[in-house]
PDB file of N, CA and C in Angstrom:
ATOM      1  N   UNK A   1     -11.731  -2.410  -1.551  1.00  0.00           N
ATOM      2  CA  UNK A   1     -10.422  -2.519  -0.907  1.00  0.00           C
ATOM      3  C   UNK A   1     -10.496  -2.960   0.185  1.00  0.00           C
ATOM      4  N   UNK A   2     -10.958  -2.499   1.023  1.00  0.00           N
ATOM      5  CA  UNK A   2     -10.669  -2.861   2.596  1.00  0.00           C
ATOM      6  C   UNK A   2     -10.772  -4.118   2.941  1.00  0.00           C
ATOM      7  N   UNK A   3     -11.923  -4.843   2.229  1.00  0.00           N
ATOM      8  CA  UNK A   3     -12.021  -6.414   2.140  1.00  0.00           C
ATOM      9  C   UNK A   3     -10.862  -7.336   1.881  1.00  0.00           C
ATOM     10  N   UNK A   4      -9.840  -6.603   1.402  1.00  0.00           N
ATOM     11  CA  UNK A   4      -8.689  -7.405   0.968  1.00  0.00           C
ATOM     12  C   UNK A   4      -7.463  -7.209   1.934  1.00  0.00           C
ATOM     13  N   UNK A   5      -7.812  -6.213   3.123  1.00  0.00           N
ATOM     14  CA  UNK A   5      -6.626  -6.087   3.967  1.00  0.00           C
ATOM     15  C   UNK A   5      -7.251  -6.802   5.448  1.00  0.00           C
ATOM     16  N   UNK A   6      -6.300  -7.321   6.044  1.00  0.00           N
ATOM     17  CA  UNK A   6      -6.431  -8.284   7.124  1.00  0.00           C
ATOM     18  C   UNK A   6      -6.823  -7.278   8.273  1.00  0.00           C
ATOM     19  N   UNK A   7      -6.705  -7.825   9.468  1.00  0.00           N
ATOM     20  CA  UNK A   7      -7.169  -7.125  10.534  1.00  0.00           C
ATOM     21  C   UNK A   7      -5.918  -6.180  11.051  1.00  0.00           C
ATOM     22  N   UNK A   8      -4.594  -6.334  10.578  1.00  0.00           N
ATOM     23  CA  UNK A   8      -3.620  -5.566  10.853  1.00  0.00           C
ATOM     24  C   UNK A   8      -3.360  -4.629   9.839  1.00  0.00           C
ATOM     25  N   UNK A   9      -4.184  -4.593   8.527  1.00  0.00           N
ATOM     26  CA  UNK A   9      -3.872  -3.761   7.274  1.00  0.00           C
ATOM     27  C   UNK A   9      -3.012  -4.358   6.415  1.00  0.00           C
ATOM     28  N   UNK A  10      -2.937  -5.450   6.212  1.00  0.00           N
ATOM     29  CA  UNK A  10      -1.793  -6.299   5.264  1.00  0.00           C
ATOM     30  C   UNK A  10      -2.642  -6.739   4.209  1.00  0.00           C
ATOM     31  N   UNK A  11      -2.321  -6.244   2.978  1.00  0.00           N
ATOM     32  CA  UNK A  11      -3.104  -6.895   2.016  1.00  0.00           C
ATOM     33  C   UNK A  11      -2.712  -8.611   1.971  1.00  0.00           C
ATOM     34  N   UNK A  12      -3.953  -9.361   1.799  1.00  0.00           N
ATOM     35  CA  UNK A  12      -4.097 -10.836   1.458  1.00  0.00           C
ATOM     36  C   UNK A  12      -4.551 -11.464   0.431  1.00  0.00           C
ATOM     37  N   UNK A  13      -5.504 -10.595  -0.717  1.00  0.00           N
ATOM     38  CA  UNK A  13      -5.840 -11.565  -1.734  1.00  0.00           C
ATOM     39  C   UNK A  13      -6.902 -12.545  -1.298  1.00  0.00           C
ATOM     40  N   UNK A  14      -7.710 -12.327  -0.196  1.00  0.00           N
ATOM     41  CA  UNK A  14      -8.682 -13.437   0.274  1.00  0.00           C
ATOM     42  C   UNK A  14      -9.316 -14.019  -0.950  1.00  0.00           C
ATOM     43  N   UNK A  15      -9.669 -13.455  -2.103  1.00  0.00           N
ATOM     44  CA  UNK A  15     -10.189 -14.027  -3.200  1.00  0.00           C
ATOM     45  C   UNK A  15      -9.315 -14.589  -4.075  1.00  0.00           C
ATOM     46  N   UNK A  16      -8.035 -14.523  -3.947  1.00  0.00           N
ATOM     47  CA  UNK A  16      -6.916 -15.364  -4.605  1.00  0.00           C
ATOM     48  C   UNK A  16      -7.037 -14.712  -6.056  1.00  0.00           C
ATOM     49  N   UNK A  17      -7.426 -13.401  -6.556  1.00  0.00           N
ATOM     50  CA  UNK A  17      -7.457 -12.713  -7.825  1.00  0.00           C
ATOM     51  C   UNK A  17      -5.786 -12.908  -8.526  1.00  0.00           C
ATOM     52  N   UNK A  18      -5.878 -12.846  -9.936  1.00  0.00           N
ATOM     53  CA  UNK A  18      -4.801 -12.841 -10.185  1.00  0.00           C
ATOM     54  C   UNK A  18      -3.914 -11.612  -9.954  1.00  0.00           C
ATOM     55  N   UNK A  19      -2.690 -11.695  -9.746  1.00  0.00           N
ATOM     56  CA  UNK A  19      -2.021 -10.609  -9.226  1.00  0.00           C
ATOM     57  C   UNK A  19      -1.072  -9.940 -10.192  1.00  0.00           C
ATOM     58  N   UNK A  20      -0.905  -8.867 -10.270  1.00  0.00           N
ATOM     59  CA  UNK A  20      -0.258  -8.200 -11.205  1.00  0.00           C
ATOM     60  C   UNK A  20       0.176  -6.702 -10.791  1.00  0.00           C
ATOM     61  N   UNK A  21       1.551  -6.500 -10.603  1.00  0.00           N
ATOM     62  CA  UNK A  21       1.990  -5.205 -10.434  1.00  0.00           C
ATOM     63  C   UNK A  21       2.616  -4.519 -11.588  1.00  0.00           C
ATOM     64  N   UNK A  22       3.558  -5.564 -12.286  1.00  0.00           N
ATOM     65  CA  UNK A  22       4.507  -5.299 -13.132  1.00  0.00           C
ATOM     66  C   UNK A  22       4.932  -6.510 -13.888  1.00  0.00           C
ATOM     67  N   UNK A  23       5.646  -6.510 -15.258  1.00  0.00           N
ATOM     68  CA  UNK A  23       5.964  -7.659 -15.761  1.00  0.00           C
ATOM     69  C   UNK A  23       7.374  -8.167 -15.265  1.00  0.00           C
ATOM     70  N   UNK A  24       7.955  -7.375 -14.326  1.00  0.00           N
ATOM     71  CA  UNK A  24       9.056  -7.813 -13.915  1.00  0.00           C
ATOM     72  C   UNK A  24       8.960  -9.219 -13.028  1.00  0.00           C
ATOM     73  N   UNK A  25       9.843 -10.273 -12.998  1.00  0.00           N
ATOM     74  CA  UNK A  25       9.859 -11.014 -12.463  1.00  0.00           C
ATOM     75  C   UNK A  25       9.200 -11.361 -10.836  1.00  0.00           C
ATOM     76  N   UNK A  26       8.461 -12.106 -10.549  1.00  0.00           N
ATOM     77  CA  UNK A  26       7.742 -12.223  -9.488  1.00  0.00           C
ATOM     78  C   UNK A  26       6.870 -11.034  -9.088  1.00  0.00           C
ATOM     79  N   UNK A  27       6.473 -10.122 -10.224  1.00  0.00           N
ATOM     80  CA  UNK A  27       5.443  -9.385 -10.008  1.00  0.00           C
ATOM     81  C   UNK A  27       4.110  -9.298 -10.509  1.00  0.00           C
ATOM     82  N   UNK A  28       4.104 -10.587 -11.273  1.00  0.00           N
ATOM     83  CA  UNK A  28       2.777 -10.858 -11.833  1.00  0.00           C
ATOM     84  C   UNK A  28       2.296 -12.162 -11.354  1.00  0.00           C
ATOM     85  N   UNK A  29       2.525 -12.528 -10.225  1.00  0.00           N
ATOM     86  CA  UNK A  29       1.804 -13.583  -9.568  1.00  0.00           C
ATOM     87  C   UNK A  29       1.714 -13.613  -8.291  1.00  0.00           C
ATOM     88  N   UNK A  30       1.175 -14.434  -7.517  1.00  0.00           N
ATOM     89  CA  UNK A  30       1.006 -14.205  -5.768  1.00  0.00           C
ATOM     90  C   UNK A  30       2.304 -14.395  -5.118  1.00  0.00           C
ATOM     91  N   UNK A  31       2.997 -13.557  -5.110  1.00  0.00           N
ATOM     92  CA  UNK A  31       4.126 -13.393  -4.315  1.00  0.00           C
ATOM     93  C   UNK A  31       4.196 -12.749  -3.514  1.00  0.00           C
ATOM     94  N   UNK A  32       5.129 -12.393  -2.333  1.00  0.00           N
ATOM     95  CA  UNK A  32       5.603 -11.656  -1.493  1.00  0.00           C
ATOM     96  C   UNK A  32       5.881 -10.226  -2.066  1.00  0.00           C
ATOM     97  N   UNK A  33       6.727 -10.104  -3.224  1.00  0.00           N
ATOM     98  CA  UNK A  33       6.531  -8.898  -3.794  1.00  0.00           C
ATOM     99  C   UNK A  33       5.534  -8.353  -4.453  1.00  0.00           C
ATOM    100  N   UNK A  34       4.740  -9.009  -4.857  1.00  0.00           N
ATOM    101  CA  UNK A  34       3.737  -8.571  -5.638  1.00  0.00           C
ATOM    102  C   UNK A  34       2.366  -8.195  -4.551  1.00  0.00           C
ATOM    103  N   UNK A  35       2.379  -8.797  -3.617  1.00  0.00           N
ATOM    104  CA  UNK A  35       1.664  -8.533  -2.299  1.00  0.00           C
ATOM    105  C   UNK A  35       2.033  -7.069  -1.911  1.00  0.00           C
ATOM    106  N   UNK A  36       3.569  -6.792  -1.673  1.00  0.00           N
ATOM    107  CA  UNK A  36       3.779  -5.646  -1.049  1.00  0.00           C
ATOM    108  C   UNK A  36       3.726  -4.357  -2.220  1.00  0.00           C
ATOM    109  N   UNK A  37       3.852  -4.583  -3.570  1.00  0.00           N
ATOM    110  CA  UNK A  37       3.590  -3.864  -4.592  1.00  0.00           C
ATOM    111  C   UNK A  37       2.047  -3.267  -4.410  1.00  0.00           C
ATOM    112  N   UNK A  38       1.117  -4.391  -4.312  1.00  0.00           N
ATOM    113  CA  UNK A  38      -0.512  -4.222  -4.377  1.00  0.00           C
ATOM    114  C   UNK A  38      -0.645  -3.062  -3.172  1.00  0.00           C
ATOM    115  N   UNK A  39      -0.225  -3.671  -2.214  1.00  0.00           N
ATOM    116  CA  UNK A  39      -0.230  -2.824  -0.663  1.00  0.00           C
ATOM    117  C   UNK A  39      -0.038  -1.479  -1.043  1.00  0.00           C
ATOM    118  N   UNK A  40       1.080  -1.079  -1.472  1.00  0.00           N
ATOM    119  CA  UNK A  40       1.570   0.311  -1.794  1.00  0.00           C
ATOM    120  C   UNK A  40       0.787   1.033  -2.993  1.00  0.00           C
ATOM    121  N   UNK A  41       0.237  -0.017  -3.821  1.00  0.00           N
ATOM    122  CA  UNK A  41      -0.926   0.800  -4.716  1.00  0.00           C
ATOM    123  C   UNK A  41      -2.066   1.002  -3.930  1.00  0.00           C
ATOM    124  N   UNK A  42      -2.530   0.266  -2.902  1.00  0.00           N
ATOM    125  CA  UNK A  42      -3.594   0.748  -2.161  1.00  0.00           C
ATOM    126  C   UNK A  42      -3.231   2.148  -1.379  1.00  0.00           C
ATOM    127  N   UNK A  43      -2.051   2.078  -0.876  1.00  0.00           N
ATOM    128  CA  UNK A  43      -1.777   3.361  -0.192  1.00  0.00           C
ATOM    129  C   UNK A  43      -2.079   4.591  -1.109  1.00  0.00           C
ATOM    130  N   UNK A  44      -1.555   4.540  -2.440  1.00  0.00           N
ATOM    131  CA  UNK A  44      -1.548   5.624  -3.377  1.00  0.00           C
ATOM    132  C   UNK A  44      -3.001   5.866  -3.527  1.00  0.00           C
ATOM    133  N   UNK A  45      -3.719   4.827  -3.616  1.00  0.00           N
ATOM    134  CA  UNK A  45      -5.259   4.882  -3.737  1.00  0.00           C
ATOM    135  C   UNK A  45      -5.878   5.715  -2.598  1.00  0.00           C
ATOM    136  N   UNK A  46      -5.462   5.385  -1.472  1.00  0.00           N
ATOM    137  CA  UNK A  46      -6.240   5.923  -0.363  1.00  0.00           C
ATOM    138  C   UNK A  46      -5.864   7.434  -0.278  1.00  0.00           C
ATOM    139  N   UNK A  47      -4.862   7.413  -0.527  1.00  0.00           N
ATOM    140  CA  UNK A  47      -4.034   9.187  -0.582  1.00  0.00           C
ATOM    141  C   UNK A  47      -4.770   9.841  -1.646  1.00  0.00           C
ATOM    142  N   UNK A  48      -4.818   9.299  -3.012  1.00  0.00           N
ATOM    143  CA  UNK A  48      -5.808  10.025  -3.935  1.00  0.00           C
ATOM    144  C   UNK A  48      -6.999  10.216  -3.643  1.00  0.00           C
ATOM    145  N   UNK A  49      -7.946   9.213  -2.865  1.00  0.00           N
ATOM    146  CA  UNK A  49      -9.150   9.323  -2.443  1.00  0.00           C
ATOM    147  C   UNK A  49      -9.222  10.374  -1.303  1.00  0.00           C
ATOM    148  N   UNK A  50      -8.095  10.638  -0.625  1.00  0.00           N
ATOM    149  CA  UNK A  50      -8.104  11.623   0.483  1.00  0.00           C
ATOM    150  C   UNK A  50      -7.964  12.950  -0.281  1.00  0.00           C
ATOM    151  N   UNK A  51      -7.191  13.254  -1.248  1.00  0.00           N
ATOM    152  CA  UNK A  51      -6.833  14.429  -1.910  1.00  0.00           C
ATOM    153  C   UNK A  51      -8.454  14.892  -2.880  1.00  0.00           C
ATOM    154  N   UNK A  52      -8.862  13.826  -3.538  1.00  0.00           N
ATOM    155  CA  UNK A  52      -9.993  14.207  -4.020  1.00  0.00           C
ATOM    156  C   UNK A  52     -11.214  14.624  -3.373  1.00  0.00           C
ATOM    157  N   UNK A  53     -11.487  13.886  -2.109  1.00  0.00           N
ATOM    158  CA  UNK A  53     -12.393  14.499  -1.082  1.00  0.00           C
ATOM    159  C   UNK A  53     -12.146  15.686  -0.545  1.00  0.00           C
ATOM    160  N   UNK A  54     -10.959  16.201  -0.422  1.00  0.00           N
ATOM    161  CA  UNK A  54     -10.337  17.437   0.035  1.00  0.00           C
ATOM    162  C   UNK A  54     -10.952  18.524  -0.867  1.00  0.00           C
ATOM    163  N   UNK A  55     -10.845  18.261  -2.029  1.00  0.00           N
ATOM    164  CA  UNK A  55     -10.996  18.975  -3.429  1.00  0.00           C
ATOM    165  C   UNK A  55     -12.506  19.480  -3.482  1.00  0.00           C
ATOM    166  N   UNK A  56     -13.150  18.232  -2.994  1.00  0.00           N
ATOM    167  CA  UNK A  56     -14.778  18.403  -3.175  1.00  0.00           C
ATOM    168  C   UNK A  56     -15.216  19.031  -1.788  1.00  0.00           C
ATOM    169  N   UNK A  57     -14.478  19.339  -0.784  1.00  0.00           N
ATOM    170  CA  UNK A  57     -14.950  19.785   0.283  1.00  0.00           C
ATOM    171  C   UNK A  57     -15.417  19.343   1.501  1.00  0.00           C
ATOM    172  N   UNK A  58     -15.015  17.748   1.446  1.00  0.00           N
ATOM    173  CA  UNK A  58     -15.138  16.980   2.281  1.00  0.00           C
ATOM    174  C   UNK A  58     -14.332  16.588   3.322  1.00  0.00           C
ATOM    175  N   UNK A  59     -13.684  17.668   4.088  1.00  0.00           N
ATOM    176  CA  UNK A  59     -12.662  17.519   5.039  1.00  0.00           C
ATOM    177  C   UNK A  59     -12.644  16.237   5.731  1.00  0.00           C
ATOM    178  N   UNK A  60     -13.828  16.161   6.508  1.00  0.00           N
ATOM    179  CA  UNK A  60     -13.964  14.901   7.353  1.00  0.00           C
ATOM    180  C   UNK A  60     -13.433  13.359   6.853  1.00  0.00           C
ATOM    181  N   UNK A  61     -14.303  13.266   5.749  1.00  0.00           N
ATOM    182  CA  UNK A  61     -14.002  12.038   5.126  1.00  0.00           C
ATOM    183  C   UNK A  61     -12.470  11.951   4.457  1.00  0.00           C
ATOM    184  N   UNK A  62     -12.001  13.034   4.135  1.00  0.00           N
ATOM    185  CA  UNK A  62     -10.665  13.058   3.288  1.00  0.00           C
ATOM    186  C   UNK A  62      -9.701  12.668   4.800  1.00  0.00           C
ATOM    187  N   UNK A  63      -9.909  13.291   5.748  1.00  0.00           N
ATOM    188  CA  UNK A  63      -9.119  12.979   6.926  1.00  0.00           C
ATOM    189  C   UNK A  63      -9.052  11.405   7.275  1.00  0.00           C
ATOM    190  N   UNK A  64     -10.152  10.878   7.171  1.00  0.00           N
ATOM    191  CA  UNK A  64     -10.388   9.484   7.228  1.00  0.00           C
ATOM    192  C   UNK A  64      -9.405   8.789   6.314  1.00  0.00           C
ATOM    193  N   UNK A  65      -9.534   8.925   5.143  1.00  0.00           N
ATOM    194  CA  UNK A  65      -8.893   8.196   3.958  1.00  0.00           C
ATOM    195  C   UNK A  65      -7.417   8.649   4.307  1.00  0.00           C
ATOM    196  N   UNK A  66      -6.959   9.662   4.602  1.00  0.00           N
ATOM    197  CA  UNK A  66      -5.621  10.050   4.885  1.00  0.00           C
ATOM    198  C   UNK A  66      -4.951   9.263   6.028  1.00  0.00           C
ATOM    199  N   UNK A  67      -5.859   9.154   6.954  1.00  0.00           N
ATOM    200  CA  UNK A  67      -5.279   8.359   8.287  1.00  0.00           C
ATOM    201  C   UNK A  67      -5.215   6.845   7.960  1.00  0.00           C
ATOM    202  N   UNK A  68      -6.378   6.201   7.048  1.00  0.00           N
ATOM    203  CA  UNK A  68      -6.082   4.919   6.587  1.00  0.00           C
ATOM    204  C   UNK A  68      -5.084   4.688   5.734  1.00  0.00           C
ATOM    205  N   UNK A  69      -4.901   5.843   5.028  1.00  0.00           N
ATOM    206  CA  UNK A  69      -3.534   5.264   3.981  1.00  0.00           C
ATOM    207  C   UNK A  69      -2.394   5.323   4.988  1.00  0.00           C
ATOM    208  N   UNK A  70      -2.315   6.222   6.108  1.00  0.00           N
ATOM    209  CA  UNK A  70      -0.901   6.118   7.118  1.00  0.00           C
ATOM    210  C   UNK A  70      -1.001   4.794   7.679  1.00  0.00           C
ATOM    211  N   UNK A  71      -2.002   4.081   7.929  1.00  0.00           N
ATOM    212  CA  UNK A  71      -2.356   3.106   8.656  1.00  0.00           C
ATOM    213  C   UNK A  71      -1.690   1.632   7.867  1.00  0.00           C
ATOM    214  N   UNK A  72      -2.257   1.880   6.601  1.00  0.00           N
ATOM    215  CA  UNK A  72      -1.904   0.903   5.494  1.00  0.00           C
ATOM    216  C   UNK A  72      -0.495   0.792   5.488  1.00  0.00           C
ATOM    217  N   UNK A  73       0.244   2.164   5.166  1.00  0.00           N
ATOM    218  CA  UNK A  73       1.435   2.337   4.770  1.00  0.00           C
ATOM    219  C   UNK A  73       2.480   1.974   6.118  1.00  0.00           C
ATOM    220  N   UNK A  74       2.272   2.267   7.281  1.00  0.00           N
ATOM    221  CA  UNK A  74       2.833   1.774   8.467  1.00  0.00           C
ATOM    222  C   UNK A  74       2.634   0.135   8.867  1.00  0.00           C
ATOM    223  N   UNK A  75       1.632  -0.440   8.233  1.00  0.00           N
ATOM    224  CA  UNK A  75       1.386  -1.871   8.474  1.00  0.00           C
ATOM    225  C   UNK A  75       2.457  -2.424   7.562  1.00  0.00           C
ATOM    226  N   UNK A  76       2.807  -1.686   6.257  1.00  0.00           N
ATOM    227  CA  UNK A  76       3.641  -2.524   5.355  1.00  0.00           C
ATOM    228  C   UNK A  76       5.072  -2.130   5.590  1.00  0.00           C
ATOM    229  N   UNK A  77       5.236  -1.154   6.389  1.00  0.00           N
ATOM    230  CA  UNK A  77       6.651  -0.953   6.853  1.00  0.00           C
ATOM    231  C   UNK A  77       7.041  -1.797   7.951  1.00  0.00           C
ATOM    232  N   UNK A  78       6.097  -2.063   8.661  1.00  0.00           N
ATOM    233  CA  UNK A  78       6.295  -2.936  10.048  1.00  0.00           C
ATOM    234  C   UNK A  78       6.549  -4.435   9.552  1.00  0.00           C
ATOM    235  N   UNK A  79       5.937  -4.666   8.644  1.00  0.00           N
ATOM    236  CA  UNK A  79       5.815  -6.368   8.228  1.00  0.00           C
ATOM    237  C   UNK A  79       7.036  -6.379   7.322  1.00  0.00           C
ATOM    238  N   UNK A  80       7.056  -5.445   6.336  1.00  0.00           N
ATOM    239  CA  UNK A  80       8.266  -5.855   5.280  1.00  0.00           C
ATOM    240  C   UNK A  80       9.509  -5.244   4.920  1.00  0.00           C
ATOM    241  N   UNK A  81       9.686  -4.140   6.046  1.00  0.00           N
ATOM    242  CA  UNK A  81      11.051  -3.221   5.757  1.00  0.00           C
ATOM    243  C   UNK A  81      12.095  -4.017   6.155  1.00  0.00           C
ATOM    244  N   UNK A  82      13.174  -3.999   5.113  1.00  0.00           N
ATOM    245  CA  UNK A  82      14.356  -4.915   5.264  1.00  0.00           C
ATOM    246  C   UNK A  82      15.316  -3.832   6.065  1.00  0.00           C
ATOM    247  N   UNK A  83      15.623  -4.270   7.387  1.00  0.00           N
ATOM    248  CA  UNK A  83      16.461  -3.412   7.977  1.00  0.00           C
ATOM    249  C   UNK A  83      17.618  -2.840   7.528  1.00  0.00           C
ATOM    250  N   UNK A  84      18.301  -3.979   6.575  1.00  0.00           N
ATOM    251  CA  UNK A  84      19.439  -3.775   5.842  1.00  0.00           C
ATOM    252  C   UNK A  84      19.508  -2.815   4.816  1.00  0.00           C
ATOM    253  N   UNK A  85      18.647  -2.706   3.947  1.00  0.00           N
ATOM    254  CA  UNK A  85      18.386  -1.883   3.114  1.00  0.00           C
ATOM    255  C   UNK A  85      17.756  -0.505   3.028  1.00  0.00           C
ATOM    256  N   UNK A  86      16.839  -0.618   4.123  1.00  0.00           N
ATOM    257  CA  UNK A  86      15.795   0.296   4.478  1.00  0.00           C
ATOM    258  C   UNK A  86      14.998   0.479   3.617  1.00  0.00           C
ATOM    259  N   UNK A  87      14.566  -0.698   2.690  1.00  0.00           N
ATOM    260  CA  UNK A  87      13.501  -0.473   1.904  1.00  0.00           C
ATOM    261  C   UNK A  87      12.682  -1.597   2.117  1.00  0.00           C
ATOM    262  N   UNK A  88      11.284  -1.662   1.358  1.00  0.00           N
ATOM    263  CA  UNK A  88      10.560  -2.986   1.872  1.00  0.00           C
ATOM    264  C   UNK A  88      11.088  -4.079   1.095  1.00  0.00           C
ATOM    265  N   UNK A  89      11.748  -3.905  -0.036  1.00  0.00           N
ATOM    266  CA  UNK A  89      12.396  -5.093  -0.537  1.00  0.00           C
ATOM    267  C   UNK A  89      13.648  -4.651  -1.298  1.00  0.00           C
ATOM    268  N   UNK A  90      14.484  -5.724  -1.241  1.00  0.00           N
ATOM    269  CA  UNK A  90      16.022  -5.286  -2.021  1.00  0.00           C
ATOM    270  C   UNK A  90      15.810  -4.478  -3.256  1.00  0.00           C
ATOM    271  N   UNK A  91      14.909  -4.872  -4.131  1.00  0.00           N
ATOM    272  CA  UNK A  91      15.071  -4.545  -5.512  1.00  0.00           C
ATOM    273  C   UNK A  91      13.653  -3.408  -5.814  1.00  0.00           C
ATOM    274  N   UNK A  92      13.009  -2.955  -4.506  1.00  0.00           N
ATOM    275  CA  UNK A  92      12.006  -1.778  -4.818  1.00  0.00           C
ATOM    276  C   UNK A  92      12.463  -0.685  -4.637  1.00  0.00           C
ATOM    277  N   UNK A  93      11.945   0.141  -5.327  1.00  0.00           N
ATOM    278  CA  UNK A  93      12.432   1.656  -5.047  1.00  0.00           C
ATOM    279  C   UNK A  93      12.328   1.905  -3.595  1.00  0.00           C
ATOM    280  N   UNK A  94      13.203   2.776  -3.067  1.00  0.00           N
ATOM    281  CA  UNK A  94      13.416   3.584  -1.786  1.00  0.00           C
ATOM    282  C   UNK A  94      12.210   4.010  -1.150  1.00  0.00           C
ATOM    283  N   UNK A  95      11.276   4.864  -2.296  1.00  0.00           N
ATOM    284  CA  UNK A  95      10.373   5.809  -2.155  1.00  0.00           C
ATOM    285  C   UNK A  95       9.413   4.843  -1.287  1.00  0.00           C
ATOM    286  N   UNK A  96       9.155   3.625  -1.280  1.00  0.00           N
ATOM    287  CA  UNK A  96       8.410   2.772  -0.409  1.00  0.00           C
ATOM    288  C   UNK A  96       8.454   2.461   0.927  1.00  0.00           C
ATOM    289  N   UNK A  97       9.775   3.235   1.553  1.00  0.00           N
ATOM    290  CA  UNK A  97       9.863   2.964   2.808  1.00  0.00           C
ATOM    291  C   UNK A  97       9.003   4.014   3.409  1.00  0.00           C
ATOM    292  N   UNK A  98       8.570   4.632   3.061  1.00  0.00           N
ATOM    293  CA  UNK A  98       7.534   5.648   3.714  1.00  0.00           C
ATOM    294  C   UNK A  98       5.941   5.732   3.170  1.00  0.00           C
ATOM    295  N   UNK A  99       6.149   5.503   1.858  1.00  0.00           N
ATOM    296  CA  UNK A  99       4.888   5.208   1.151  1.00  0.00           C
ATOM    297  C   UNK A  99       4.633   6.533   0.432  1.00  0.00           C
ATOM    298  N   UNK A 100       4.320   6.278  -0.808  1.00  0.00           N
ATOM    299  CA  UNK A 100       3.831   7.339  -1.581  1.00  0.00           C
ATOM    300  C   UNK A 100       3.018   8.474  -1.042  1.00  0.00           C
ATOM    301  N   UNK A 101       3.396   9.524  -0.847  1.00  0.00           N
ATOM    302  CA  UNK A 101       2.381  10.471  -0.544  1.00  0.00           C
ATOM    303  C   UNK A 101       2.078  10.612   0.901  1.00  0.00           C
ATOM    304  N   UNK A 102       2.838  10.015   1.610  1.00  0.00           N
ATOM    305  CA  UNK A 102       2.777   9.815   3.063  1.00  0.00           C
ATOM    306  C   UNK A 102       3.949  10.758   3.777  1.00  0.00           C
ATOM    307  N   UNK A 103       3.429  11.681   4.575  1.00  0.00           N
ATOM    308  CA  UNK A 103       4.634  12.448   4.909  1.00  0.00           C
ATOM    309  C   UNK A 103       5.021  11.934   6.453  1.00  0.00           C
TER     310      UNK A 103
END
């Protein structure tokens, strides 16, 4: 997954894989909305990985995954947050302003 993030932790899709977040318009092709949705799914995956590692007793690696999840979420917020709506996009749920699982 990390290979799909640029140096500022933004999802870039360097291999130009088919994008799919949802069947909603603009979410199943290479669009800004699909890139944002994919980025937030990456955040969810890093958070889930952190929790799984914690359950397995690997606190050090769990902390690394949690920190990376926060960096990836923060990058999305810095790059995509709409100051007018306080969301990443006008039609995405406001839960994405902080990133799922990010405190």
